[in-house]
């Protein structure tokens, strides 16, 4: 995974979905956001300008910390769009069309669902359609897509295409059966994501509670927690902050379920 920062993002290019490019404004927005949060939490926990100044340096690495989630989000979007593309391919094959026709018809059929030509799946299948017209094999074209996507369902479909291309057999029937299995797997993963969304929100709320409690006590009974702003108290608060972050990390890992 790499961070890239550009003045503008070329929306028409074919993506490497294992990377994410921040625009200059987006990168600045995340750094400013992290800076504001760190200042607020730093003042709440330490009330020490020197410590806050040191902590503010971490705002510069915040975009790198969220890079993984950005990559996951674009892969999730592509996975959902790929499911729709598989439905179109399966429907075309069931109607008696050839595999080539099924692939080249995907952009026009998906344009109703995804009218924006910059949507990932539209770009990918327009690229597939163009390369087919240049007499490149579907197996080779889809293998390139799978290598850039690095998504299990796309990789599996690519492998099936290569196996069928080498061994022959009833290609259309194999593709239809494979499509059905992959779609079912994607739908199960989506259901799991929906079921765990409430737990994800609960983790975020539980993580915020200690900060709210400290803020309320500090606002209403500042003398009560005054010892926590001594040098030894700063060390205690720093340890508490690390425990909160570690608990949040563990909570996120617990509810990550892959099919």
C-alpha atoms as a PDB file:
ATOM      1  CA  UNK A   1       0.000   0.000   0.000  1.00  0.00           C
ATOM      2  CA  UNK A   2       1.280   3.446  -0.890  1.00  0.00           C
ATOM      3  CA  UNK A   3       0.168   7.008  -0.259  1.00  0.00           C
ATOM      4  CA  UNK A   4       0.066   9.224  -3.306  1.00  0.00           C
ATOM      5  CA  UNK A   5      -0.856  12.890  -3.224  1.00  0.00           C
ATOM      6  CA  UNK A   6      -1.722  14.658  -6.457  1.00  0.00           C
ATOM      7  CA  UNK A   7      -3.163  18.021  -7.322  1.00  0.00           C
ATOM      8  CA  UNK A   8      -5.900  16.262  -9.273  1.00  0.00           C
ATOM      9  CA  UNK A   9      -7.047  12.687  -9.643  1.00  0.00           C
ATOM     10  CA  UNK A  10      -7.407  11.262 -13.145  1.00  0.00           C
ATOM     11  CA  UNK A  11     -10.832   9.685 -12.906  1.00  0.00           C
ATOM     12  CA  UNK A  12     -10.699   8.075 -16.348  1.00  0.00           C
ATOM     13  CA  UNK A  13      -7.669   5.859 -15.732  1.00  0.00           C
ATOM     14  CA  UNK A  14      -7.766   2.194 -14.822  1.00  0.00           C
ATOM     15  CA  UNK A  15      -7.126   1.818 -11.126  1.00  0.00           C
ATOM     16  CA  UNK A  16      -4.732  -0.273  -9.184  1.00  0.00           C
ATOM     17  CA  UNK A  17      -7.231  -1.007  -6.426  1.00  0.00           C
ATOM     18  CA  UNK A  18      -4.440  -1.849  -3.964  1.00  0.00           C
ATOM     19  CA  UNK A  19      -3.495   1.825  -3.913  1.00  0.00           C
ATOM     20  CA  UNK A  20      -5.341   5.012  -3.107  1.00  0.00           C
ATOM     21  CA  UNK A  21      -4.476   8.473  -4.354  1.00  0.00           C
ATOM     22  CA  UNK A  22      -5.306  11.454  -2.161  1.00  0.00           C
ATOM     23  CA  UNK A  23      -5.999  14.693  -3.925  1.00  0.00           C
ATOM     24  CA  UNK A  24      -4.134  17.673  -2.490  1.00  0.00           C
ATOM     25  CA  UNK A  25      -7.316  19.107  -0.964  1.00  0.00           C
ATOM     26  CA  UNK A  26      -8.361  15.722   0.455  1.00  0.00           C
ATOM     27  CA  UNK A  27      -4.946  15.168   2.033  1.00  0.00           C
ATOM     28  CA  UNK A  28      -5.055  18.656   3.576  1.00  0.00           C
ATOM     29  CA  UNK A  29      -8.584  18.064   4.881  1.00  0.00           C
ATOM     30  CA  UNK A  30      -7.555  14.903   6.728  1.00  0.00           C
ATOM     31  CA  UNK A  31      -4.443  16.517   8.206  1.00  0.00           C
ATOM     32  CA  UNK A  32      -6.451  19.523   9.444  1.00  0.00           C
ATOM     33  CA  UNK A  33      -9.130  17.213  10.854  1.00  0.00           C
ATOM     34  CA  UNK A  34      -6.526  15.142  12.718  1.00  0.00           C
ATOM     35  CA  UNK A  35      -4.829  18.312  13.962  1.00  0.00           C
ATOM     36  CA  UNK A  36      -8.094  19.637  15.439  1.00  0.00           C
ATOM     37  CA  UNK A  37      -8.927  16.311  17.123  1.00  0.00           C
ATOM     38  CA  UNK A  38      -5.427  15.977  18.563  1.00  0.00           C
ATOM     39  CA  UNK A  39      -5.492  19.527  19.945  1.00  0.00           C
ATOM     40  CA  UNK A  40      -8.893  18.943  21.552  1.00  0.00           C
ATOM     41  CA  UNK A  41      -7.940  15.583  23.082  1.00  0.00           C
ATOM     42  CA  UNK A  42      -4.486  16.833  24.029  1.00  0.00           C
ATOM     43  CA  UNK A  43      -5.932  19.766  25.937  1.00  0.00           C
ATOM     44  CA  UNK A  44      -8.545  17.535  27.568  1.00  0.00           C
ATOM     45  CA  UNK A  45      -5.979  14.956  28.686  1.00  0.00           C
ATOM     46  CA  UNK A  46      -2.879  17.032  29.417  1.00  0.00           C
ATOM     47  CA  UNK A  47      -3.490  20.808  29.367  1.00  0.00           C
ATOM     48  CA  UNK A  48       0.192  21.068  28.494  1.00  0.00           C
ATOM     49  CA  UNK A  49       1.176  23.037  25.385  1.00  0.00           C
ATOM     50  CA  UNK A  50       4.484  21.205  24.949  1.00  0.00           C
ATOM     51  CA  UNK A  51       2.828  17.798  24.944  1.00  0.00           C
ATOM     52  CA  UNK A  52       0.081  19.035  22.608  1.00  0.00           C
ATOM     53  CA  UNK A  53       2.695  20.454  20.210  1.00  0.00           C
ATOM     54  CA  UNK A  54       4.485  17.090  20.076  1.00  0.00           C
ATOM     55  CA  UNK A  55       1.230  15.187  19.558  1.00  0.00           C
ATOM     56  CA  UNK A  56       0.200  17.503  16.715  1.00  0.00           C
ATOM     57  CA  UNK A  57       3.022  16.061  14.637  1.00  0.00           C
ATOM     58  CA  UNK A  58       1.016  12.837  14.400  1.00  0.00           C
ATOM     59  CA  UNK A  59      -1.635  14.663  12.368  1.00  0.00           C
ATOM     60  CA  UNK A  60       0.712  14.395   9.377  1.00  0.00           C
ATOM     61  CA  UNK A  61       0.564  10.594   9.430  1.00  0.00           C
ATOM     62  CA  UNK A  62      -3.227  10.369   9.820  1.00  0.00           C
ATOM     63  CA  UNK A  63      -3.809   9.965   6.046  1.00  0.00           C
ATOM     64  CA  UNK A  64      -1.474   6.951   6.135  1.00  0.00           C
ATOM     65  CA  UNK A  65      -3.427   5.474   9.054  1.00  0.00           C
ATOM     66  CA  UNK A  66      -6.712   5.618   7.120  1.00  0.00           C
ATOM     67  CA  UNK A  67      -5.154   4.458   3.849  1.00  0.00           C
ATOM     68  CA  UNK A  68      -6.098   0.829   4.493  1.00  0.00           C
ATOM     69  CA  UNK A  69      -9.746   1.734   5.120  1.00  0.00           C
ATOM     70  CA  UNK A  70      -9.821   3.832   1.935  1.00  0.00           C
ATOM     71  CA  UNK A  71      -8.470   0.919  -0.092  1.00  0.00           C
ATOM     72  CA  UNK A  72     -10.972  -1.447   1.515  1.00  0.00           C
ATOM     73  CA  UNK A  73     -13.826   0.938   0.735  1.00  0.00           C
ATOM     74  CA  UNK A  74     -12.985   1.151  -2.967  1.00  0.00           C
ATOM     75  CA  UNK A  75     -12.615  -2.645  -3.100  1.00  0.00           C
ATOM     76  CA  UNK A  76     -16.018  -3.049  -1.418  1.00  0.00           C
ATOM     77  CA  UNK A  77     -17.543  -0.716  -4.012  1.00  0.00           C
ATOM     78  CA  UNK A  78     -15.922  -2.674  -6.844  1.00  0.00           C
ATOM     79  CA  UNK A  79     -17.102  -5.982  -5.341  1.00  0.00           C
ATOM     80  CA  UNK A  80     -20.730  -4.836  -5.284  1.00  0.00           C
ATOM     81  CA  UNK A  81     -20.435  -3.518  -8.832  1.00  0.00           C
ATOM     82  CA  UNK A  82     -18.764  -6.747  -9.964  1.00  0.00           C
ATOM     83  CA  UNK A  83     -21.718  -8.710  -8.589  1.00  0.00           C
ATOM     84  CA  UNK A  84     -24.031  -6.699 -10.863  1.00  0.00           C
ATOM     85  CA  UNK A  85     -21.718  -7.357 -13.809  1.00  0.00           C
ATOM     86  CA  UNK A  86     -21.808 -11.100 -13.095  1.00  0.00           C
ATOM     87  CA  UNK A  87     -25.603 -10.988 -13.046  1.00  0.00           C
ATOM     88  CA  UNK A  88     -25.545  -9.346 -16.484  1.00  0.00           C
ATOM     89  CA  UNK A  89     -23.114 -11.963 -17.831  1.00  0.00           C
ATOM     90  CA  UNK A  90     -25.152 -14.839 -16.386  1.00  0.00           C
ATOM     91  CA  UNK A  91     -28.377 -13.391 -17.801  1.00  0.00           C
ATOM     92  CA  UNK A  92     -26.819 -13.009 -21.258  1.00  0.00           C
ATOM     93  CA  UNK A  93     -25.474 -16.571 -21.246  1.00  0.00           C
ATOM     94  CA  UNK A  94     -28.875 -17.906 -20.151  1.00  0.00           C
ATOM     95  CA  UNK A  95     -30.430 -16.054 -23.103  1.00  0.00           C
ATOM     96  CA  UNK A  96     -28.147 -18.014 -25.449  1.00  0.00           C
ATOM     97  CA  UNK A  97     -25.610 -15.270 -26.220  1.00  0.00           C
ATOM     98  CA  UNK A  98     -21.942 -16.058 -26.675  1.00  0.00           C
ATOM     99  CA  UNK A  99     -19.406 -15.360 -23.943  1.00  0.00           C
ATOM    100  CA  UNK A 100     -17.841 -12.532 -25.998  1.00  0.00           C
ATOM    101  CA  UNK A 101     -21.218 -10.871 -26.483  1.00  0.00           C
ATOM    102  CA  UNK A 102     -22.067 -11.308 -22.795  1.00  0.00           C
ATOM    103  CA  UNK A 103     -18.899  -9.432 -21.810  1.00  0.00           C
ATOM    104  CA  UNK A 104     -19.193  -6.644 -24.389  1.00  0.00           C
ATOM    105  CA  UNK A 105     -22.848  -5.993 -23.487  1.00  0.00           C
ATOM    106  CA  UNK A 106     -22.083  -5.387 -19.796  1.00  0.00           C
ATOM    107  CA  UNK A 107     -21.314  -1.620 -20.048  1.00  0.00           C
ATOM    108  CA  UNK A 108     -24.598  -0.806 -21.811  1.00  0.00           C
ATOM    109  CA  UNK A 109     -26.629  -2.991 -19.435  1.00  0.00           C
ATOM    110  CA  UNK A 110     -24.967  -1.558 -16.318  1.00  0.00           C
ATOM    111  CA  UNK A 111     -25.293   2.040 -17.520  1.00  0.00           C
ATOM    112  CA  UNK A 112     -28.833   2.064 -16.096  1.00  0.00           C
ATOM    113  CA  UNK A 113     -27.543   1.247 -12.601  1.00  0.00           C
ATOM    114  CA  UNK A 114     -24.270   3.159 -12.915  1.00  0.00           C
ATOM    115  CA  UNK A 115     -24.832   6.129 -15.261  1.00  0.00           C
ATOM    116  CA  UNK A 116     -21.478   7.688 -14.335  1.00  0.00           C
ATOM    117  CA  UNK A 117     -18.860   6.555 -16.855  1.00  0.00           C
ATOM    118  CA  UNK A 118     -16.190   6.974 -14.162  1.00  0.00           C
ATOM    119  CA  UNK A 119     -17.636   4.169 -12.020  1.00  0.00           C
ATOM    120  CA  UNK A 120     -15.065   1.439 -11.552  1.00  0.00           C
ATOM    121  CA  UNK A 121     -17.001  -1.381 -13.189  1.00  0.00           C
ATOM    122  CA  UNK A 122     -18.001   0.706 -16.224  1.00  0.00           C
ATOM    123  CA  UNK A 123     -14.378   1.656 -16.836  1.00  0.00           C
ATOM    124  CA  UNK A 124     -13.204  -1.926 -16.445  1.00  0.00           C
ATOM    125  CA  UNK A 125     -15.727  -3.463 -18.821  1.00  0.00           C
ATOM    126  CA  UNK A 126     -15.283  -0.664 -21.355  1.00  0.00           C
ATOM    127  CA  UNK A 127     -11.603  -1.573 -21.246  1.00  0.00           C
ATOM    128  CA  UNK A 128     -12.474  -5.267 -21.672  1.00  0.00           C
ATOM    129  CA  UNK A 129     -14.755  -4.406 -24.600  1.00  0.00           C
ATOM    130  CA  UNK A 130     -12.033  -2.327 -26.276  1.00  0.00           C
ATOM    131  CA  UNK A 131      -9.369  -5.016 -25.854  1.00  0.00           C
ATOM    132  CA  UNK A 132     -11.702  -7.718 -27.179  1.00  0.00           C
ATOM    133  CA  UNK A 133     -12.096  -5.610 -30.328  1.00  0.00           C
ATOM    134  CA  UNK A 134      -8.290  -5.698 -30.593  1.00  0.00           C
ATOM    135  CA  UNK A 135      -8.449  -9.535 -30.578  1.00  0.00           C
ATOM    136  CA  UNK A 136      -7.032  -9.996 -27.090  1.00  0.00           C
ATOM    137  CA  UNK A 137      -8.341 -13.042 -25.244  1.00  0.00           C
ATOM    138  CA  UNK A 138     -10.835 -12.672 -22.407  1.00  0.00           C
ATOM    139  CA  UNK A 139      -8.595 -14.772 -20.174  1.00  0.00           C
ATOM    140  CA  UNK A 140      -5.650 -12.397 -20.616  1.00  0.00           C
ATOM    141  CA  UNK A 141      -7.782  -9.252 -20.228  1.00  0.00           C
ATOM    142  CA  UNK A 142      -9.531 -10.480 -17.104  1.00  0.00           C
ATOM    143  CA  UNK A 143      -6.262 -11.648 -15.565  1.00  0.00           C
ATOM    144  CA  UNK A 144      -5.012  -8.050 -15.756  1.00  0.00           C
ATOM    145  CA  UNK A 145      -8.226  -6.842 -14.090  1.00  0.00           C
ATOM    146  CA  UNK A 146      -7.889  -9.454 -11.333  1.00  0.00           C
ATOM    147  CA  UNK A 147      -4.263  -8.535 -10.627  1.00  0.00           C
ATOM    148  CA  UNK A 148      -5.191  -4.870 -10.186  1.00  0.00           C
ATOM    149  CA  UNK A 149      -8.341  -5.556  -8.181  1.00  0.00           C
ATOM    150  CA  UNK A 150      -6.836  -8.106  -5.758  1.00  0.00           C
ATOM    151  CA  UNK A 151     -10.364  -9.205  -4.805  1.00  0.00           C
ATOM    152  CA  UNK A 152     -11.039 -12.887  -4.210  1.00  0.00           C
ATOM    153  CA  UNK A 153     -14.253 -13.042  -6.239  1.00  0.00           C
ATOM    154  CA  UNK A 154     -12.606 -11.377  -9.259  1.00  0.00           C
ATOM    155  CA  UNK A 155      -9.530 -13.599  -8.950  1.00  0.00           C
ATOM    156  CA  UNK A 156     -11.681 -16.745  -8.729  1.00  0.00           C
ATOM    157  CA  UNK A 157     -13.632 -15.745 -11.825  1.00  0.00           C
ATOM    158  CA  UNK A 158     -10.388 -15.038 -13.680  1.00  0.00           C
ATOM    159  CA  UNK A 159      -9.028 -18.468 -12.742  1.00  0.00           C
ATOM    160  CA  UNK A 160     -12.190 -20.159 -14.000  1.00  0.00           C
ATOM    161  CA  UNK A 161     -11.883 -18.328 -17.315  1.00  0.00           C
ATOM    162  CA  UNK A 162      -8.267 -19.479 -17.684  1.00  0.00           C
ATOM    163  CA  UNK A 163      -9.071 -23.093 -16.755  1.00  0.00           C
ATOM    164  CA  UNK A 164     -12.004 -23.234 -19.172  1.00  0.00           C
ATOM    165  CA  UNK A 165      -9.883 -21.627 -21.891  1.00  0.00           C
ATOM    166  CA  UNK A 166      -7.232 -24.337 -21.559  1.00  0.00           C
ATOM    167  CA  UNK A 167      -9.415 -27.390 -20.959  1.00  0.00           C
ATOM    168  CA  UNK A 168     -12.465 -26.574 -23.076  1.00  0.00           C
ATOM    169  CA  UNK A 169     -15.821 -28.108 -22.141  1.00  0.00           C
ATOM    170  CA  UNK A 170     -19.171 -26.416 -21.771  1.00  0.00           C
ATOM    171  CA  UNK A 171     -17.746 -22.959 -21.089  1.00  0.00           C
ATOM    172  CA  UNK A 172     -21.064 -21.135 -20.856  1.00  0.00           C
ATOM    173  CA  UNK A 173     -22.481 -23.605 -18.326  1.00  0.00           C
ATOM    174  CA  UNK A 174     -19.337 -23.486 -16.182  1.00  0.00           C
ATOM    175  CA  UNK A 175     -19.354 -19.674 -16.220  1.00  0.00           C
ATOM    176  CA  UNK A 176     -23.034 -19.581 -15.208  1.00  0.00           C
ATOM    177  CA  UNK A 177     -22.474 -21.974 -12.301  1.00  0.00           C
ATOM    178  CA  UNK A 178     -19.353 -20.138 -11.164  1.00  0.00           C
ATOM    179  CA  UNK A 179     -21.153 -16.814 -11.386  1.00  0.00           C
ATOM    180  CA  UNK A 180     -23.960 -18.122  -9.199  1.00  0.00           C
ATOM    181  CA  UNK A 181     -21.508 -19.289  -6.512  1.00  0.00           C
ATOM    182  CA  UNK A 182     -19.525 -16.034  -6.511  1.00  0.00           C
ATOM    183  CA  UNK A 183     -22.692 -13.913  -6.320  1.00  0.00           C
ATOM    184  CA  UNK A 184     -23.950 -15.973  -3.377  1.00  0.00           C
ATOM    185  CA  UNK A 185     -20.642 -15.493  -1.561  1.00  0.00           C
ATOM    186  CA  UNK A 186     -20.700 -11.723  -2.142  1.00  0.00           C
ATOM    187  CA  UNK A 187     -24.265 -11.503  -0.839  1.00  0.00           C
ATOM    188  CA  UNK A 188     -23.342 -13.449   2.311  1.00  0.00           C
ATOM    189  CA  UNK A 189     -20.451 -11.044   2.950  1.00  0.00           C
ATOM    190  CA  UNK A 190     -22.807  -8.082   2.478  1.00  0.00           C
ATOM    191  CA  UNK A 191     -25.259  -9.570   4.985  1.00  0.00           C
ATOM    192  CA  UNK A 192     -22.426 -10.013   7.494  1.00  0.00           C
ATOM    193  CA  UNK A 193     -21.397  -6.376   6.984  1.00  0.00           C
ATOM    194  CA  UNK A 194     -24.963  -5.244   7.664  1.00  0.00           C
ATOM    195  CA  UNK A 195     -25.231  -7.405  10.791  1.00  0.00           C
ATOM    196  CA  UNK A 196     -21.932  -6.088  12.180  1.00  0.00           C
ATOM    197  CA  UNK A 197     -22.609  -2.416  11.365  1.00  0.00           C
ATOM    198  CA  UNK A 198     -24.424  -1.938  14.687  1.00  0.00           C
ATOM    199  CA  UNK A 199     -21.455  -3.398  16.575  1.00  0.00           C
ATOM    200  CA  UNK A 200     -19.100  -1.065  14.703  1.00  0.00           C
ATOM    201  CA  UNK A 201     -21.177   1.914  15.814  1.00  0.00           C
ATOM    202  CA  UNK A 202     -21.233   0.598  19.395  1.00  0.00           C
ATOM    203  CA  UNK A 203     -17.434   0.362  19.424  1.00  0.00           C
ATOM    204  CA  UNK A 204     -17.134   3.971  18.273  1.00  0.00           C
ATOM    205  CA  UNK A 205     -19.585   5.156  20.927  1.00  0.00           C
ATOM    206  CA  UNK A 206     -17.846   3.182  23.689  1.00  0.00           C
ATOM    207  CA  UNK A 207     -14.519   4.653  22.620  1.00  0.00           C
ATOM    208  CA  UNK A 208     -15.938   8.180  22.910  1.00  0.00           C
ATOM    209  CA  UNK A 209     -17.431   7.656  26.402  1.00  0.00           C
ATOM    210  CA  UNK A 210     -14.132   8.079  28.358  1.00  0.00           C
ATOM    211  CA  UNK A 211     -13.490  11.396  26.596  1.00  0.00           C
ATOM    212  CA  UNK A 212     -17.012  12.602  27.371  1.00  0.00           C
ATOM    213  CA  UNK A 213     -16.673  11.614  31.040  1.00  0.00           C
ATOM    214  CA  UNK A 214     -13.331  13.414  31.387  1.00  0.00           C
ATOM    215  CA  UNK A 215     -14.790  16.498  29.688  1.00  0.00           C
ATOM    216  CA  UNK A 216     -17.817  16.550  32.017  1.00  0.00           C
ATOM    217  CA  UNK A 217     -15.714  16.106  35.151  1.00  0.00           C
ATOM    218  CA  UNK A 218     -13.220  18.710  33.965  1.00  0.00           C
ATOM    219  CA  UNK A 219     -16.030  21.174  33.261  1.00  0.00           C
ATOM    220  CA  UNK A 220     -17.972  20.670  36.500  1.00  0.00           C
ATOM    221  CA  UNK A 221     -15.346  19.600  39.058  1.00  0.00           C
ATOM    222  CA  UNK A 222     -11.959  20.675  37.776  1.00  0.00           C
ATOM    223  CA  UNK A 223     -10.362  20.472  41.227  1.00  0.00           C
ATOM    224  CA  UNK A 224     -11.328  16.797  41.438  1.00  0.00           C
ATOM    225  CA  UNK A 225      -9.083  15.775  38.546  1.00  0.00           C
ATOM    226  CA  UNK A 226      -6.433  18.509  38.939  1.00  0.00           C
ATOM    227  CA  UNK A 227      -3.795  15.933  40.066  1.00  0.00           C
ATOM    228  CA  UNK A 228      -4.091  14.273  36.656  1.00  0.00           C
ATOM    229  CA  UNK A 229      -2.521  17.347  35.052  1.00  0.00           C
ATOM    230  CA  UNK A 230       0.697  17.021  37.048  1.00  0.00           C
ATOM    231  CA  UNK A 231       3.749  15.365  35.390  1.00  0.00           C
ATOM    232  CA  UNK A 232       2.844  12.016  36.947  1.00  0.00           C
ATOM    233  CA  UNK A 233      -0.813  12.570  36.040  1.00  0.00           C
ATOM    234  CA  UNK A 234       0.190  13.258  32.423  1.00  0.00           C
ATOM    235  CA  UNK A 235       1.897   9.869  32.348  1.00  0.00           C
ATOM    236  CA  UNK A 236      -1.279   8.237  33.708  1.00  0.00           C
ATOM    237  CA  UNK A 237      -3.447  10.027  31.132  1.00  0.00           C
ATOM    238  CA  UNK A 238      -1.063   9.029  28.339  1.00  0.00           C
ATOM    239  CA  UNK A 239      -1.357   5.397  29.427  1.00  0.00           C
ATOM    240  CA  UNK A 240      -5.154   5.716  29.535  1.00  0.00           C
ATOM    241  CA  UNK A 241      -5.137   7.125  25.997  1.00  0.00           C
ATOM    242  CA  UNK A 242      -3.074   4.190  24.737  1.00  0.00           C
ATOM    243  CA  UNK A 243      -5.445   1.726  26.421  1.00  0.00           C
ATOM    244  CA  UNK A 244      -8.451   3.401  24.766  1.00  0.00           C
ATOM    245  CA  UNK A 245      -6.791   3.237  21.329  1.00  0.00           C
ATOM    246  CA  UNK A 246      -5.770  -0.385  21.856  1.00  0.00           C
ATOM    247  CA  UNK A 247      -9.307  -1.315  22.945  1.00  0.00           C
ATOM    248  CA  UNK A 248     -10.726   0.339  19.827  1.00  0.00           C
ATOM    249  CA  UNK A 249      -8.274  -1.580  17.632  1.00  0.00           C
ATOM    250  CA  UNK A 250      -9.119  -4.923  19.280  1.00  0.00           C
ATOM    251  CA  UNK A 251     -12.850  -4.204  19.016  1.00  0.00           C
ATOM    252  CA  UNK A 252     -12.550  -3.587  15.254  1.00  0.00           C
ATOM    253  CA  UNK A 253     -10.550  -6.779  14.763  1.00  0.00           C
ATOM    254  CA  UNK A 254     -13.093  -8.887  16.679  1.00  0.00           C
ATOM    255  CA  UNK A 255     -15.986  -7.953  14.360  1.00  0.00           C
ATOM    256  CA  UNK A 256     -14.040  -8.334  11.113  1.00  0.00           C
ATOM    257  CA  UNK A 257     -15.539 -11.469   9.569  1.00  0.00           C
ATOM    258  CA  UNK A 258     -14.427 -12.679   6.152  1.00  0.00           C
ATOM    259  CA  UNK A 259     -16.295 -15.317   4.157  1.00  0.00           C
END
